[in-house]
Protein backbone atom coordinates (compact mmCIF):
# COMPACT_ATOMS: atom_id res chain seq x y z
CA UNK A 1 19.79 116.30 74.21
CA UNK A 2 21.35 118.52 71.59
CA UNK A 3 20.25 117.73 68.06
CA UNK A 4 22.91 116.11 65.90
CA UNK A 5 21.44 116.68 62.46
CA UNK A 6 23.57 119.80 61.91
CA UNK A 7 26.70 117.68 62.07
CA UNK A 8 25.68 115.48 59.15
CA UNK A 9 22.81 116.56 56.89
CA UNK A 10 22.00 113.13 55.53
CA UNK A 11 19.30 113.52 52.91
CA UNK A 12 20.09 111.91 49.60
CA UNK A 13 22.13 114.15 47.37
CA UNK A 14 23.03 116.63 50.12
CA UNK A 15 26.57 117.86 50.44
CA UNK A 16 28.61 119.22 53.31
CA UNK A 17 32.02 120.81 53.53
CA UNK A 18 34.78 118.89 55.20
CA UNK A 19 37.67 120.50 57.07
CA UNK A 20 39.48 121.19 53.80
CA UNK A 21 36.46 123.13 52.50
CA UNK A 22 35.84 120.58 49.77
CA UNK A 23 32.22 119.66 49.08
CA UNK A 24 31.51 116.01 49.87
CA UNK A 25 28.43 113.98 48.98
CA UNK A 26 26.78 112.31 51.96
CA UNK A 27 26.45 109.10 49.99
CA UNK A 28 30.22 108.74 50.40
CA UNK A 29 29.87 107.72 54.07
CA UNK A 30 28.47 104.32 53.09
CA UNK A 31 26.96 102.58 50.09
CA UNK A 32 24.00 101.78 52.34
CA UNK A 33 21.52 104.32 53.67
CA UNK A 34 22.71 106.30 56.69
CA UNK A 35 20.11 107.24 59.33
CA UNK A 36 19.45 110.74 60.58
CA UNK A 37 21.08 110.81 64.05
CA UNK A 38 18.13 112.72 65.48
CA UNK A 39 15.84 109.79 64.64
CA UNK A 40 17.98 107.14 66.34
CA UNK A 41 17.18 105.47 69.68
CA UNK A 42 18.22 107.56 72.67
CA UNK A 43 21.17 105.37 73.69
CA UNK A 44 22.70 105.56 70.22
CA UNK A 45 22.20 109.31 70.13
CA UNK A 46 23.90 109.63 73.49
CA UNK A 47 26.88 107.61 72.30
CA UNK A 48 27.20 109.65 69.11
CA UNK A 49 26.80 112.91 71.03
CA UNK A 50 29.51 111.87 73.49
CA UNK A 51 32.02 111.00 70.78
CA UNK A 52 31.28 114.22 68.87
CA UNK A 53 31.91 116.27 72.01
CA UNK A 54 35.16 114.43 72.70
CA UNK A 55 36.60 114.52 69.18
CA UNK A 56 34.84 117.47 67.56
CA UNK A 57 33.33 115.30 64.82
CA UNK A 58 31.36 112.08 64.40
CA UNK A 59 33.45 109.19 63.04
CA UNK A 60 31.62 107.72 60.08
CA UNK A 61 31.61 104.21 61.56
CA UNK A 62 29.03 105.35 64.12
CA UNK A 63 26.66 106.56 61.42
CA UNK A 64 27.23 103.64 59.08
CA UNK A 65 26.54 101.01 61.75
CA UNK A 66 23.64 102.94 63.29
CA UNK A 67 21.30 101.77 60.53
CA UNK A 68 20.97 98.56 62.60
CA UNK A 69 20.80 99.66 66.24
CA UNK A 70 21.07 96.15 67.75
CA UNK A 71 24.25 95.44 65.80
CA UNK A 72 25.60 98.91 66.69
CA UNK A 73 25.12 98.11 70.39
CA UNK A 74 26.71 94.67 70.08
CA UNK A 75 29.71 95.92 68.12
CA UNK A 76 30.52 98.80 70.45
CA UNK A 77 29.89 96.71 73.56
CA UNK A 78 32.59 94.27 72.40
CA UNK A 79 34.79 97.16 71.26
CA UNK A 80 34.59 98.70 74.74
CA UNK A 81 35.21 95.36 76.44
CA UNK A 82 38.35 94.69 74.41
CA UNK A 83 39.82 98.10 73.68
CA UNK A 84 39.10 99.75 77.05
CA UNK A 85 40.04 96.75 79.18
CA UNK A 86 42.89 97.27 81.63
CA UNK A 87 45.68 94.78 81.04
CA UNK A 88 49.20 94.26 79.81
CA UNK A 89 48.71 96.00 76.47
CA UNK A 90 48.96 99.78 76.28
CA UNK A 91 46.43 101.82 74.31
CA UNK A 92 49.10 102.41 71.67
CA UNK A 93 49.87 98.69 71.40
CA UNK A 94 46.21 97.88 70.92
CA UNK A 95 46.07 100.42 68.09
CA UNK A 96 49.21 98.86 66.56
CA UNK A 97 47.30 95.59 66.27
CA UNK A 98 44.34 97.31 64.67
CA UNK A 99 46.46 99.21 62.15
CA UNK A 100 48.71 96.30 61.17
CA UNK A 101 45.89 93.77 60.73
CA UNK A 102 43.65 96.29 58.98
CA UNK A 103 46.47 97.07 56.56
CA UNK A 104 46.80 93.34 55.85
CA UNK A 105 43.06 93.28 55.17
CA UNK A 106 43.39 96.40 52.98
CA UNK A 107 40.79 98.32 54.98
CA UNK A 108 41.20 102.06 54.33
CA UNK A 109 38.75 103.15 57.02
CA UNK A 110 40.40 101.31 59.90
CA UNK A 111 43.95 102.06 58.77
CA UNK A 112 43.24 105.79 58.53
CA UNK A 113 41.08 106.10 61.66
CA UNK A 114 43.17 103.91 63.93
CA UNK A 115 46.41 105.17 62.44
CA UNK A 116 45.34 108.53 63.83
CA UNK A 117 44.66 107.01 67.25
CA UNK A 118 48.03 105.25 67.18
CA UNK A 119 49.79 108.55 66.50
CA UNK A 120 47.92 110.15 69.40
CA UNK A 121 48.38 107.39 71.96
CA UNK A 122 52.04 106.78 71.08
CA UNK A 123 52.73 110.53 70.81
CA UNK A 124 54.71 109.59 67.70
CA UNK A 125 53.53 111.25 64.45
CA UNK A 126 55.44 108.70 62.35
CA UNK A 127 54.30 105.44 63.88
CA UNK A 128 50.85 105.09 62.31
CA UNK A 129 52.23 105.18 58.79
CA UNK A 130 55.19 102.97 59.68
CA UNK A 131 52.98 100.22 61.10
CA UNK A 132 50.51 100.45 58.22
CA UNK A 133 53.17 100.12 55.54
CA UNK A 134 55.57 97.63 57.14
CA UNK A 135 55.54 97.13 60.89
CA UNK A 136 58.76 95.08 60.69
CA UNK A 137 60.71 98.26 59.91
CA UNK A 138 58.73 100.49 62.29
CA UNK A 139 60.10 101.99 65.51
CA UNK A 140 59.00 99.06 67.67
CA UNK A 141 60.72 96.92 70.27
CA UNK A 142 61.15 93.13 70.11
CA UNK A 143 58.07 92.52 72.24
CA UNK A 144 55.84 94.66 70.02
CA UNK A 145 57.12 93.01 66.84
CA UNK A 146 56.34 89.60 68.29
CA UNK A 147 52.86 90.85 69.17
CA UNK A 148 52.24 92.00 65.61
CA UNK A 149 53.76 88.82 64.14
CA UNK A 150 51.16 86.84 66.08
CA UNK A 151 48.31 89.19 65.21
CA UNK A 152 49.16 89.13 61.50
CA UNK A 153 49.37 85.35 61.49
CA UNK A 154 45.98 85.11 63.15
CA UNK A 155 44.57 87.68 60.72
CA UNK A 156 45.94 86.23 57.50
CA UNK A 157 46.56 82.51 58.16
CA UNK A 158 44.47 81.64 61.24
CA UNK A 159 44.57 77.91 60.52
CA UNK A 160 48.35 77.96 61.07
CA UNK A 161 48.21 79.75 64.43
CA UNK A 162 49.07 77.39 67.26
CA UNK A 163 50.75 76.66 70.55
CA UNK A 164 54.20 77.65 69.28
CA UNK A 165 52.91 81.16 68.59
CA UNK A 166 51.49 81.42 72.09
CA UNK A 167 54.75 80.20 73.62
CA UNK A 168 56.67 82.80 71.62
CA UNK A 169 54.45 85.54 73.04
CA UNK A 170 54.85 84.21 76.59
CA UNK A 171 58.64 84.17 76.13
CA UNK A 172 58.47 87.85 75.18
CA UNK A 173 56.81 88.70 78.48
CA UNK A 174 53.13 88.57 77.59
CA UNK A 175 50.68 86.79 79.88
CA UNK A 176 47.97 84.40 78.75
CA UNK A 177 45.46 87.23 79.25
CA UNK A 178 47.57 89.46 77.01
CA UNK A 179 47.58 86.74 74.35
CA UNK A 180 43.79 86.59 74.56
CA UNK A 181 43.65 90.38 74.14
CA UNK A 182 45.87 90.21 71.05
CA UNK A 183 43.60 87.58 69.53
CA UNK A 184 40.38 89.33 70.53
CA UNK A 185 41.45 92.66 69.03
CA UNK A 186 42.57 90.93 65.84
CA UNK A 187 39.25 89.10 65.62
CA UNK A 188 37.09 92.13 66.37
CA UNK A 189 38.75 94.13 63.63
CA UNK A 190 38.48 91.28 61.17
CA UNK A 191 34.74 91.92 61.58
CA UNK A 192 35.20 95.68 61.48
CA UNK A 193 37.34 95.50 58.33
CA UNK A 194 34.79 93.39 56.53
CA UNK A 195 31.90 95.64 57.49
CA UNK A 196 33.90 98.61 56.25
CA UNK A 197 34.47 96.82 52.92
CA UNK A 198 30.80 95.82 52.72
CA UNK A 199 29.62 99.38 53.27
CA UNK A 200 32.48 101.09 51.41
CA UNK A 201 32.93 103.15 54.56
CA UNK A 202 34.85 106.36 54.00
CA UNK A 203 37.29 107.72 56.61
CA UNK A 204 36.50 111.19 57.93
CA UNK A 205 38.89 113.82 56.60
CA UNK A 206 39.69 114.83 60.18
CA UNK A 207 41.47 111.52 60.81
CA UNK A 208 44.11 112.20 58.17
CA UNK A 209 45.51 115.22 60.01
CA UNK A 210 45.28 114.02 63.62
CA UNK A 211 48.60 113.63 65.39
CA UNK A 212 50.75 114.60 62.42
CA UNK A 213 52.67 117.25 64.37
CA UNK A 214 54.38 116.11 67.56
CA UNK A 215 53.11 118.94 69.80
CA UNK A 216 49.57 118.64 68.47
CA UNK A 217 49.82 114.88 68.90
CA UNK A 218 50.67 115.25 72.59
CA UNK A 219 47.93 117.81 73.24
CA UNK A 220 45.26 115.76 71.48
CA UNK A 221 46.28 112.63 73.39
CA UNK A 222 45.86 114.51 76.66
CA UNK A 223 42.37 115.60 75.63
CA UNK A 224 41.37 112.03 74.76
CA UNK A 225 42.71 110.61 78.03
CA UNK A 226 41.58 113.51 80.21
CA UNK A 227 45.09 114.13 81.51
């Protein structure tokens, strides 16, 4: 397997140059120690290698969580189960939930990273920012607004979420399995948001530029989906 150390020289005090050419201290990835990818278990290295080949960089969440391999495996296993599951929610709609709830939780990492994915999957360079700032005025349909209303309620006032909220979603055309997906994504990223706050996880500079231009947004989405 190709060595990964060249992607992120992680010794204390080392610096690298991000895509803007600005020198960045490695300590900025996390307030906790970040492991050298080349010293990780083989399955974690394979996962990190795969994402770096697909995106051209290693999202910092992989390095920050890799300091505890068992938790890394558990987190990404649930992430894959929820976010890659075939169902009634599109990839873009799943990212809408992540961005809106992460914004409510004031999580810079998830808003920036998943705002980029939302722009790519929706092929709309405006939508990530719209959903992050105020999804109620974003370019969404009635069904998507109802989805985010439910997700935000579950994220910010879970004790008040109840049967009426589920019935509202069903009336908008969602199935019970879709409702579960909405809740599962919201819950997973409640964990993700809090881990990002705990570690002071910093978004990669690459995320800020992804999908900002409509043509580039379409091309990048095709690369991610293999189409």
